[in-house]
Amino acid sequence: IINTVLQIIINVIDFDMNIQQAIDAPRIHHQWLPDELVYEPYGMSADTFRALEERGHKLNAKPRYMGDAQGIMIEEKTGVRLGASDPRGSGEPVGY
């Protein structure tokens, strides 16, 4: 959960994505045990994959492994409220 939330926040703040784009984006996960980097297969370029392997990282592709997220966002400039649901799950955004 922590990595999912962090990556979504980084995507919005640092990469200027809207909430749906941020939730849709590929994710990675690493924790101490097992000592491996889990990634979504479509989420890493071949160059990045190779560079990580050359540095000794163990990589493990796992589709649909990162959990799913739901999000809301208010665009600062327009005040528009956005709802987003992760395509990895079965949720859907609803507004009023």
Protein backbone atom coordinates (compact mmCIF):
# COMPACT_ATOMS: atom_id res chain seq x y z
CA ILE A 1 0.00 0.00 0.00
CA ILE A 2 2.75 2.44 0.94
CA ASN A 3 4.61 2.05 -2.37
CA THR A 4 1.39 2.35 -4.38
CA VAL A 5 0.35 5.57 -2.63
CA LEU A 6 3.86 7.02 -2.82
CA GLN A 7 4.21 6.32 -6.54
CA ILE A 8 0.81 7.88 -7.26
CA ILE A 9 1.72 11.03 -5.29
CA ILE A 10 5.09 11.27 -7.06
CA ASN A 11 3.38 10.90 -10.44
CA VAL A 12 1.00 13.77 -9.65
CA ILE A 13 3.51 16.14 -8.04
CA ASP A 14 6.76 15.43 -9.89
CA PHE A 15 5.48 14.24 -13.27
CA ASP A 16 2.42 16.52 -13.51
CA MET A 17 -0.03 13.66 -14.14
CA ASN A 18 -3.71 13.89 -13.35
CA ILE A 19 -5.03 11.39 -10.82
CA GLN A 20 -6.15 8.84 -13.44
CA GLN A 21 -2.82 8.93 -15.26
CA ALA A 22 -0.98 8.59 -11.95
CA ILE A 23 -3.03 5.56 -10.89
CA ASP A 24 -2.77 3.93 -14.34
CA ALA A 25 1.03 4.26 -14.49
CA PRO A 26 3.18 1.14 -14.05
CA ARG A 27 4.54 0.46 -10.56
CA ILE A 28 7.56 -1.17 -8.99
CA HIS A 29 8.07 -2.59 -5.50
CA HIS A 30 11.10 -3.59 -3.45
CA GLN A 31 11.37 -4.69 0.13
CA TRP A 32 14.14 -6.25 2.13
CA LEU A 33 12.92 -9.87 2.02
CA PRO A 34 12.76 -11.28 -0.52
CA ASP A 35 15.56 -9.15 -1.92
CA GLU A 36 14.07 -8.57 -5.36
CA LEU A 37 12.55 -5.78 -7.39
CA VAL A 38 9.01 -6.63 -8.46
CA TYR A 39 7.77 -4.74 -11.50
CA GLU A 40 4.84 -4.74 -13.87
CA PRO A 41 6.07 -6.21 -17.18
CA TYR A 42 5.07 -3.21 -19.30
CA GLY A 43 6.51 -0.71 -16.83
CA MET A 44 10.23 -0.76 -17.41
CA SER A 45 12.29 -0.03 -20.50
CA ALA A 46 14.76 -2.62 -21.71
CA ASP A 47 17.62 -0.21 -20.95
CA THR A 48 16.48 0.25 -17.35
CA PHE A 49 16.00 -3.50 -16.94
CA ARG A 50 19.51 -4.19 -18.24
CA ALA A 51 21.09 -1.48 -16.09
CA LEU A 52 19.47 -2.85 -12.93
CA GLU A 53 20.53 -6.42 -13.76
CA GLU A 54 24.10 -5.26 -14.40
CA ARG A 55 24.11 -3.75 -10.90
CA GLY A 56 23.12 -7.11 -9.42
CA HIS A 57 19.42 -6.52 -8.82
CA LYS A 58 17.08 -9.51 -8.94
CA LEU A 59 14.07 -8.61 -11.07
CA ASN A 60 10.71 -10.34 -10.98
CA ALA A 61 7.89 -9.43 -13.38
CA LYS A 62 4.45 -9.79 -11.82
CA PRO A 63 1.44 -8.50 -13.70
CA ARG A 64 -1.40 -7.15 -11.56
CA TYR A 65 0.67 -7.54 -8.38
CA MET A 66 0.76 -4.00 -7.07
CA GLY A 67 -2.73 -3.76 -5.68
CA ASP A 68 -5.25 -1.25 -6.86
CA ALA A 69 -6.03 2.31 -5.85
CA GLN A 70 -8.87 4.76 -5.99
CA GLY A 71 -8.23 8.49 -5.96
CA ILE A 72 -9.71 11.95 -5.96
CA MET A 73 -8.08 15.21 -6.97
CA ILE A 74 -9.11 18.83 -7.20
CA GLU A 75 -7.35 20.70 -9.99
CA GLU A 76 -5.86 23.78 -8.39
CA LYS A 77 -6.32 26.13 -11.36
CA THR A 78 -9.88 25.17 -12.31
CA GLY A 79 -11.36 23.68 -9.15
CA VAL A 80 -12.51 20.69 -11.21
CA ARG A 81 -12.94 17.57 -9.12
CA LEU A 82 -11.57 14.36 -10.60
CA GLY A 83 -12.23 10.79 -9.53
CA ALA A 84 -10.13 7.85 -10.66
CA SER A 85 -10.22 4.09 -10.35
CA ASP A 86 -7.42 1.63 -10.96
CA PRO A 87 -7.84 -0.56 -14.05
CA ARG A 88 -6.07 -3.32 -12.09
CA GLY A 89 -9.20 -3.76 -9.97
CA SER A 90 -12.94 -3.75 -10.41
CA GLY A 91 -13.78 -0.33 -8.92
CA GLU A 92 -15.14 2.67 -10.75
CA PRO A 93 -15.27 6.38 -9.95
CA VAL A 94 -18.66 7.95 -9.29
CA GLY A 95 -19.36 11.67 -9.00
CA TYR A 96 -22.23 13.94 -8.21
